[in-house]
Amino acid sequence: MKNIIIYEDSNFENLAPFSINHASFELKCGIFSNLDRIIKYYNNSNIILIVRQELENLIKERYSNHEVNPKKIPPGICINGALIFDKDNIDTSFKKPIKYKEKIVGFNLIDKLDIDEFQNYLHNIANGVDKDVLCINYLWECIDLFHSIIKLDIDYYIDKNQLIKSKDVFFVNEKNIYINNSVNIEPGCIIDATNGPIVINKNVVIQSGSIIKGPSFIDVNSTISNGAKLKGNVLIGETCKVGGEITDTIFHGYSNKVHDGFLGHSYVGEWVNLGANTNNSNLKNNYSTIKFKFPNKSLNTNRTFLGVMIGDFTRTGISTMINTGSYFGLGANIFGGDFQNKFIDSFAWGKESKVDFEKFIDTLKIMKKRRSKKLTKTEVQFLKKLYDKINL
């Protein structure tokens, strides 16, 4: 059986706040995560995941079918987790190492290797072949690439099922619309695939008066609220509830933005809740490029459009105003008048305090129970270690 080794590299800090508790291969851009796309191609292979030590127990719990951080890494095909796998654009046997901007993103490991030596081995690989591949360096690149990657995923993996029409729903460019037969679209909705494909997965509910423009993907068990305006380049993860106006935004699973308010050019993690009338700016008044602050550095993104990057378990109060190019860490409770700070660290409570950890955990338990999920001991242990590191 072929070994497929999917690994993180040192760039994970540039994928924060999502990467605080996620590996790079869990990034979403298109219909699938980077990991899912690789597994679908290399089916019936032995999948091995290499991650930071602090994520090891979380990843083992999430992906119990795969081996995580074995002491010895066997010979096999090694793929950077930030790579968007496109079988038509790479030599899938990786006979020669593949480089992207001076970084190795795929190679064939010939000999068994100690896991402690793996990162050093990556830096010493020579003679890579430069390829015009897609590799995610920052979260906002997932938003930029969504239009092309959803087309890629449809071509590879989506059944071209015949659209079941409804006289109460207006479909535009039907050949570009893929809707599972279990989807409930209420009267008065417009599904418009003029500018890109629309894929709606199982058991989704589209409530009356909603407008969905492509490219868009809505995953299983999600609900689109009455009168929602999904204006294109939108990914809604599984079991989400969203409404209001959304454009150029990615939601991971179990996150909510049910009520009115604008969200644009943003990346939202899991179990996030945005209160009613939460709005973000995604364009500066003077049209200048946007600076973005990470916990340990700042950079000029050279972008004119950028919203907010939000970590898991973060919540905003009603009528929260979010600045252009904002960073909201994990587990923050954000509220208060006027625009919020552009950088809000994990576990912030308002603008000057820190959340009470025990109350935070109690809230997570209630929140997950509402979706028939449980907060695990592994998650609590990870969150406690992270909480103790954060000084607010």
Protein backbone atom coordinates (compact mmCIF):
# COMPACT_ATOMS: atom_id res chain seq x y z
CA MET A 1 0.00 0.00 0.00
CA LYS A 2 1.31 3.45 -0.97
CA ASN A 3 2.24 5.84 1.85
CA ILE A 4 1.04 9.45 1.52
CA ILE A 5 2.65 11.77 4.08
CA ILE A 6 0.92 15.15 4.50
CA TYR A 7 2.90 17.62 6.53
CA GLU A 8 2.90 21.13 7.96
CA ASP A 9 5.83 23.45 7.44
CA SER A 10 7.03 26.49 9.38
CA ASN A 11 4.60 28.82 7.58
CA PHE A 12 1.71 27.85 9.89
CA GLU A 13 2.01 31.11 11.85
CA ASN A 14 0.96 33.05 8.73
CA LEU A 15 -2.29 31.05 8.68
CA ALA A 16 -3.37 32.35 12.10
CA PRO A 17 -5.83 32.61 13.72
CA PHE A 18 -7.19 29.47 12.00
CA SER A 19 -3.89 27.66 12.53
CA ILE A 20 -3.96 28.22 16.30
CA ASN A 21 -5.80 24.91 16.64
CA HIS A 22 -5.83 23.60 13.06
CA ALA A 23 -3.23 22.10 10.76
CA SER A 24 -2.54 23.66 7.38
CA PHE A 25 -4.15 20.73 5.56
CA GLU A 26 -7.51 21.62 7.17
CA LEU A 27 -7.73 24.84 5.15
CA LYS A 28 -10.81 25.12 2.92
CA CYS A 29 -10.86 26.62 -0.53
CA GLY A 30 -13.47 25.25 -2.93
CA ILE A 31 -15.65 22.31 -1.90
CA PHE A 32 -13.08 20.32 0.05
CA SER A 33 -10.31 20.84 2.57
CA ASN A 34 -6.76 20.42 1.31
CA LEU A 35 -6.59 17.07 3.12
CA ASP A 36 -9.86 15.80 1.66
CA ARG A 37 -8.72 16.62 -1.87
CA ILE A 38 -5.49 14.63 -1.47
CA ILE A 39 -7.27 11.65 0.11
CA LYS A 40 -9.82 11.55 -2.70
CA TYR A 41 -7.05 11.22 -5.27
CA TYR A 42 -4.85 8.77 -3.34
CA ASN A 43 -7.73 6.57 -2.19
CA ASN A 44 -6.84 3.20 -0.67
CA SER A 45 -3.47 4.62 0.40
CA ASN A 46 -1.97 4.80 3.88
CA ILE A 47 -2.36 8.43 5.01
CA ILE A 48 0.17 9.77 7.53
CA LEU A 49 -0.18 13.26 9.05
CA ILE A 50 2.78 15.26 10.37
CA VAL A 51 1.92 18.24 12.60
CA ARG A 52 3.32 20.44 15.36
CA GLN A 53 3.63 18.68 18.69
CA GLU A 54 1.06 20.99 20.33
CA LEU A 55 -1.56 19.89 17.78
CA GLU A 56 -0.75 16.19 17.88
CA ASN A 57 -3.49 15.05 20.27
CA LEU A 58 -6.14 17.23 18.60
CA ILE A 59 -5.29 15.88 15.15
CA LYS A 60 -5.20 12.31 16.41
CA GLU A 61 -8.70 12.78 17.79
CA ARG A 62 -10.08 14.44 14.63
CA TYR A 63 -8.48 11.98 12.22
CA SER A 64 -8.46 8.73 14.15
CA ASN A 65 -8.37 6.71 10.91
CA HIS A 66 -4.94 8.06 10.04
CA GLU A 67 -1.53 7.75 11.64
CA VAL A 68 -0.30 11.00 13.20
CA ASN A 69 3.36 11.81 13.96
CA PRO A 70 4.82 8.30 13.90
CA LYS A 71 8.32 8.02 15.36
CA LYS A 72 9.54 6.72 12.02
CA ILE A 73 8.23 8.17 8.77
CA PRO A 74 8.18 5.46 6.10
CA PRO A 75 9.12 5.95 2.43
CA GLY A 76 6.30 7.54 0.45
CA ILE A 77 4.96 10.62 -1.29
CA CYS A 78 5.24 13.73 0.91
CA ILE A 79 2.86 16.67 0.27
CA ASN A 80 2.81 20.06 1.97
CA GLY A 81 -0.57 20.51 3.70
CA ALA A 82 -0.92 24.05 2.35
CA LEU A 83 -0.77 22.79 -1.25
CA ILE A 84 -4.04 22.76 -3.19
CA PHE A 85 -3.71 19.42 -4.92
CA ASP A 86 -4.37 19.55 -8.67
CA LYS A 87 -3.62 16.26 -10.41
CA ASP A 88 -3.52 17.96 -13.82
CA ASN A 89 -0.82 20.43 -12.80
CA ILE A 90 1.73 18.21 -11.05
CA ASP A 91 3.52 14.91 -11.54
CA THR A 92 1.56 12.91 -8.97
CA SER A 93 4.40 10.43 -8.57
CA PHE A 94 6.67 13.30 -7.43
CA LYS A 95 9.67 11.78 -9.21
CA LYS A 96 11.37 15.15 -8.78
CA PRO A 97 10.74 17.45 -5.79
CA ILE A 98 8.30 20.27 -6.56
CA LYS A 99 9.19 23.82 -5.54
CA TYR A 100 6.92 26.80 -5.05
CA LYS A 101 8.59 30.17 -4.41
CA GLU A 102 11.81 28.51 -3.24
CA LYS A 103 9.90 26.16 -0.92
CA ILE A 104 9.56 22.41 -1.41
CA VAL A 105 5.86 21.46 -1.48
CA GLY A 106 6.04 17.84 -2.64
CA PHE A 107 8.65 15.11 -2.92
CA ASN A 108 9.21 11.37 -2.84
CA LEU A 109 10.80 10.15 0.40
CA ILE A 110 12.99 7.18 -0.47
CA ASP A 111 14.28 6.14 2.94
CA LYS A 112 12.72 5.82 6.37
CA LEU A 113 13.24 8.95 8.45
CA ASP A 114 13.01 9.86 12.14
CA ILE A 115 10.21 12.39 12.70
CA ASP A 116 12.62 14.66 14.59
CA GLU A 117 14.76 14.89 11.45
CA PHE A 118 11.90 15.61 9.05
CA GLN A 119 11.88 19.43 9.11
CA ASN A 120 15.66 19.55 8.70
CA TYR A 121 15.34 17.14 5.79
CA LEU A 122 12.84 19.49 4.11
CA HIS A 123 15.31 22.38 4.21
CA ASN A 124 18.08 20.28 2.68
CA ILE A 125 16.22 18.97 -0.37
CA ALA A 126 17.94 20.21 -3.51
CA ASN A 127 17.19 20.26 -7.24
CA GLY A 128 13.46 20.88 -6.97
CA VAL A 129 11.44 21.67 -10.07
CA ASP A 130 9.72 25.06 -9.99
CA LYS A 131 6.01 24.65 -10.71
CA ASP A 132 3.15 27.11 -10.95
CA VAL A 133 1.19 25.30 -8.24
CA LEU A 134 -1.31 26.74 -5.77
CA CYS A 135 -0.05 26.86 -2.19
CA ILE A 136 -1.71 28.87 0.59
CA ASN A 137 0.58 31.30 2.42
CA TYR A 138 -2.12 33.45 4.07
CA LEU A 139 -5.79 32.84 4.83
CA TRP A 140 -6.99 35.50 2.41
CA GLU A 141 -5.46 33.55 -0.48
CA CYS A 142 -8.17 30.91 0.08
CA ILE A 143 -10.73 33.62 -0.69
CA ASP A 144 -8.86 34.74 -3.81
CA LEU A 145 -8.61 31.20 -5.18
CA PHE A 146 -12.12 30.03 -4.33
CA HIS A 147 -13.57 30.77 -7.80
CA SER A 148 -11.01 28.60 -9.59
CA ILE A 149 -10.85 25.82 -6.99
CA ILE A 150 -14.61 25.21 -6.84
CA LYS A 151 -14.47 24.61 -10.60
CA LEU A 152 -11.56 22.22 -10.07
CA ASP A 153 -13.47 20.29 -7.41
CA ILE A 154 -16.61 20.06 -9.55
CA ASP A 155 -14.64 18.67 -12.48
CA TYR A 156 -12.95 16.02 -10.33
CA TYR A 157 -15.48 14.95 -7.77
CA ILE A 158 -19.04 16.27 -8.19
CA ASP A 159 -21.76 14.22 -9.88
CA LYS A 160 -23.49 16.26 -12.57
CA ASN A 161 -26.95 15.46 -11.25
CA GLN A 162 -29.94 16.91 -13.07
CA LEU A 163 -31.37 19.99 -11.41
CA ILE A 164 -34.87 19.48 -10.03
CA LYS A 165 -36.73 22.67 -10.84
CA SER A 166 -39.38 24.43 -8.80
CA LYS A 167 -41.84 26.91 -10.24
CA ASP A 168 -41.47 29.05 -7.11
CA VAL A 169 -37.66 29.35 -7.43
CA PHE A 170 -35.84 31.30 -10.15
CA PHE A 171 -32.74 29.52 -11.51
CA VAL A 172 -30.23 31.38 -13.71
CA ASN A 173 -27.63 29.49 -15.80
CA GLU A 174 -28.97 26.10 -14.74
CA LYS A 175 -26.12 24.10 -16.28
CA ASN A 176 -23.83 25.59 -13.62
CA ILE A 177 -26.03 24.67 -10.63
CA TYR A 178 -25.62 21.42 -8.65
CA ILE A 179 -28.17 20.86 -5.90
CA ASN A 180 -28.67 17.66 -3.92
CA ASN A 181 -32.21 16.28 -4.10
CA SER A 182 -32.62 16.58 -0.31
CA VAL A 183 -32.22 20.39 -0.36
CA ASN A 184 -35.28 22.45 0.62
CA ILE A 185 -35.49 25.74 -1.30
CA GLU A 186 -38.47 27.78 -0.15
CA PRO A 187 -40.51 30.00 -2.53
CA GLY A 188 -39.17 33.32 -3.74
CA CYS A 189 -35.47 32.43 -3.91
CA ILE A 190 -33.06 33.28 -6.74
CA ILE A 191 -30.19 30.89 -7.52
CA ASP A 192 -27.94 32.72 -10.00
CA ALA A 193 -24.89 30.95 -11.43
CA THR A 194 -24.10 33.58 -14.06
CA ASN A 195 -20.70 34.43 -12.57
CA GLY A 196 -19.72 30.97 -11.33
CA PRO A 197 -21.01 27.56 -10.23
CA ILE A 198 -23.29 26.95 -7.26
CA VAL A 199 -23.09 23.68 -5.32
CA ILE A 200 -25.56 22.96 -2.50
CA ASN A 201 -25.01 19.81 -0.46
CA LYS A 202 -27.39 17.50 1.42
CA ASN A 203 -30.15 18.68 3.77
CA VAL A 204 -29.55 22.40 3.26
CA VAL A 205 -32.49 24.78 3.80
CA ILE A 206 -32.69 27.97 1.74
CA GLN A 207 -35.38 30.12 3.32
CA SER A 208 -37.76 32.37 1.38
CA GLY A 209 -36.45 35.44 -0.39
CA SER A 210 -32.79 34.44 -0.40
CA ILE A 211 -30.50 35.37 -3.29
CA ILE A 212 -27.50 33.12 -3.91
CA LYS A 213 -24.99 34.09 -6.58
CA GLY A 214 -22.10 31.98 -7.76
CA PRO A 215 -19.52 30.94 -7.23
CA SER A 216 -20.88 29.53 -3.96
CA PHE A 217 -20.79 26.28 -2.01
CA ILE A 218 -23.14 25.44 0.86
CA ASP A 219 -22.30 22.30 2.81
CA VAL A 220 -24.53 19.74 4.53
CA ASN A 221 -27.20 20.67 7.08
CA SER A 222 -26.71 24.44 6.77
CA THR A 223 -29.51 27.01 6.76
CA ILE A 224 -29.65 30.23 4.76
CA SER A 225 -31.96 32.70 6.53
CA ASN A 226 -34.87 34.58 4.97
CA GLY A 227 -33.76 37.32 2.62
CA ALA A 228 -30.08 36.44 2.78
CA LYS A 229 -27.84 37.86 0.05
CA LEU A 230 -24.89 35.60 -0.78
CA LYS A 231 -23.24 37.74 -3.43
CA GLY A 232 -20.63 35.32 -4.73
CA ASN A 233 -17.28 33.76 -3.82
CA VAL A 234 -18.87 32.35 -0.67
CA LEU A 235 -18.22 29.04 1.11
CA ILE A 236 -20.61 28.02 3.89
CA GLY A 237 -19.39 25.03 5.90
CA GLU A 238 -21.49 22.25 7.36
CA THR A 239 -24.23 22.97 9.91
CA CYS A 240 -23.92 26.74 9.66
CA LYS A 241 -26.72 29.31 9.89
CA VAL A 242 -26.13 32.46 7.89
CA GLY A 243 -28.08 35.51 6.80
CA GLY A 244 -27.65 39.16 5.83
CA GLU A 245 -25.16 40.19 3.15
CA ILE A 246 -22.08 38.04 2.56
CA THR A 247 -19.45 38.26 -0.18
CA ASP A 248 -15.98 36.76 -0.70
CA THR A 249 -16.06 34.89 2.60
CA ILE A 250 -15.30 31.38 3.88
CA PHE A 251 -17.11 29.86 6.87
CA HIS A 252 -15.92 26.64 8.45
CA GLY A 253 -18.46 24.35 10.09
CA TYR A 254 -20.89 25.10 12.93
CA SER A 255 -20.55 28.87 12.69
CA ASN A 256 -23.47 31.31 12.73
CA LYS A 257 -24.25 34.68 11.24
CA VAL A 258 -28.01 34.38 11.26
CA HIS A 259 -29.11 38.01 11.27
CA ASP A 260 -28.64 41.08 9.10
CA GLY A 261 -25.22 42.66 8.73
CA PHE A 262 -22.41 42.70 6.16
CA LEU A 263 -19.43 40.35 6.03
CA GLY A 264 -16.92 40.54 3.19
CA HIS A 265 -13.45 39.26 2.28
CA SER A 266 -13.27 37.34 5.54
CA TYR A 267 -12.24 33.90 6.81
CA VAL A 268 -14.29 32.47 9.70
CA GLY A 269 -13.29 29.43 11.75
CA GLU A 270 -15.50 26.83 13.48
CA TRP A 271 -18.09 27.46 16.21
CA VAL A 272 -18.04 31.23 15.66
CA ASN A 273 -21.15 33.30 16.41
CA LEU A 274 -21.61 36.78 14.98
CA GLY A 275 -24.30 38.77 16.77
CA ALA A 276 -27.12 40.60 15.00
CA ASN A 277 -26.04 43.56 12.88
CA THR A 278 -22.34 42.70 13.10
CA ASN A 279 -20.69 44.51 10.18
CA ASN A 280 -17.16 44.59 8.84
CA SER A 281 -15.29 47.02 6.64
CA ASN A 282 -13.41 45.40 3.76
CA LEU A 283 -12.22 48.56 1.96
CA LYS A 284 -10.50 51.62 3.42
CA ASN A 285 -12.05 55.04 2.79
CA ASN A 286 -8.90 56.24 1.04
CA TYR A 287 -8.55 53.01 -1.01
CA SER A 288 -5.02 52.43 0.26
CA THR A 289 -3.52 48.99 0.81
CA ILE A 290 -4.37 47.19 4.04
CA LYS A 291 -1.96 46.35 6.85
CA PHE A 292 -2.57 43.20 8.89
CA LYS A 293 -1.27 42.44 12.38
CA PHE A 294 -0.43 38.94 13.58
CA PRO A 295 0.48 38.23 17.23
CA ASN A 296 4.19 38.55 16.47
CA LYS A 297 4.42 40.77 13.39
CA SER A 298 2.65 43.15 11.04
CA LEU A 299 2.70 43.26 7.25
CA ASN A 300 1.37 45.25 4.35
CA THR A 301 -0.88 42.83 2.48
CA ASN A 302 -0.77 44.96 -0.69
CA ARG A 303 -4.50 44.36 -0.93
CA THR A 304 -7.29 46.91 -1.20
CA PHE A 305 -9.98 44.44 -0.03
CA LEU A 306 -9.65 42.53 3.24
CA GLY A 307 -12.12 41.92 6.04
CA VAL A 308 -11.59 39.93 9.23
CA MET A 309 -9.85 36.63 10.01
CA ILE A 310 -11.67 34.95 12.94
CA GLY A 311 -10.46 32.04 15.07
CA ASP A 312 -12.62 29.22 16.44
CA PHE A 313 -15.09 29.79 19.31
CA THR A 314 -15.08 33.59 19.00
CA ARG A 315 -18.31 35.59 19.43
CA THR A 316 -19.35 39.15 18.69
CA GLY A 317 -22.10 41.13 20.41
CA ILE A 318 -24.95 42.84 18.57
CA SER A 319 -24.02 45.77 16.30
CA THR A 320 -20.31 45.02 16.49
CA MET A 321 -18.28 47.15 14.05
CA ILE A 322 -15.18 45.49 12.63
CA ASN A 323 -12.27 47.35 11.05
CA THR A 324 -10.70 46.62 7.69
CA GLY A 325 -8.06 43.89 7.91
CA SER A 326 -8.82 42.70 11.45
CA TYR A 327 -7.45 39.71 13.37
CA PHE A 328 -9.72 38.08 15.96
CA GLY A 329 -8.09 35.25 17.86
CA LEU A 330 -9.60 32.06 19.28
CA GLY A 331 -12.21 32.13 22.03
CA ALA A 332 -12.64 35.90 22.20
CA ASN A 333 -15.87 37.59 23.32
CA ILE A 334 -16.03 40.86 21.39
CA PHE A 335 -18.48 43.64 22.23
CA GLY A 336 -18.75 47.35 22.90
CA GLY A 337 -19.45 50.56 21.00
CA ASP A 338 -17.33 52.14 18.26
CA PHE A 339 -15.02 50.18 15.96
CA GLN A 340 -13.19 47.27 17.55
CA ASN A 341 -9.40 47.09 17.65
CA LYS A 342 -7.87 45.67 14.49
CA PHE A 343 -5.96 43.08 16.55
CA ILE A 344 -7.83 41.16 19.24
CA ASP A 345 -5.95 38.33 20.91
CA SER A 346 -7.37 34.95 21.86
CA PHE A 347 -9.63 34.84 24.95
CA ALA A 348 -10.17 38.61 25.01
CA TRP A 349 -13.29 39.78 26.86
CA GLY A 350 -14.35 43.13 25.49
CA LYS A 351 -11.43 45.50 24.98
CA GLU A 352 -9.62 45.24 28.28
CA SER A 353 -10.29 41.91 29.98
CA LYS A 354 -9.82 38.17 29.59
CA VAL A 355 -12.57 35.55 29.53
CA ASP A 356 -13.12 33.40 32.60
CA PHE A 357 -11.86 29.99 31.49
CA GLU A 358 -14.36 27.86 33.40
CA LYS A 359 -17.31 29.94 32.16
CA PHE A 360 -15.87 29.76 28.65
CA ILE A 361 -15.73 25.96 28.80
CA ASP A 362 -19.26 25.76 30.20
CA THR A 363 -20.50 27.87 27.29
CA LEU A 364 -18.71 25.67 24.75
CA LYS A 365 -20.33 22.57 26.24
CA ILE A 366 -23.79 24.12 25.90
CA MET A 367 -23.04 25.36 22.38
CA LYS A 368 -21.83 21.98 21.17
CA LYS A 369 -24.70 20.13 22.84
CA ARG A 370 -27.11 22.27 20.78
CA ARG A 371 -25.56 20.66 17.68
CA SER A 372 -25.43 17.15 19.20
CA LYS A 373 -21.68 17.39 19.71
CA LYS A 374 -19.47 17.10 22.78
CA LEU A 375 -16.49 19.11 23.95
CA THR A 376 -13.75 16.53 24.46
CA LYS A 377 -11.12 16.30 27.17
CA THR A 378 -8.44 16.70 24.51
CA GLU A 379 -9.97 20.00 23.39
CA VAL A 380 -10.25 21.28 26.97
CA GLN A 381 -6.61 20.39 27.68
CA PHE A 382 -5.45 22.16 24.53
CA LEU A 383 -7.53 25.25 25.28
CA LYS A 384 -6.27 25.43 28.87
CA LYS A 385 -2.61 25.34 27.76
CA LEU A 386 -3.33 28.04 25.20
CA TYR A 387 -5.27 30.12 27.75
CA ASP A 388 -2.38 30.01 30.20
CA LYS A 389 0.01 31.35 27.54
CA ILE A 390 -2.13 34.37 26.66
CA ASN A 391 -1.36 37.50 28.68
CA LEU A 392 -4.06 40.15 28.38
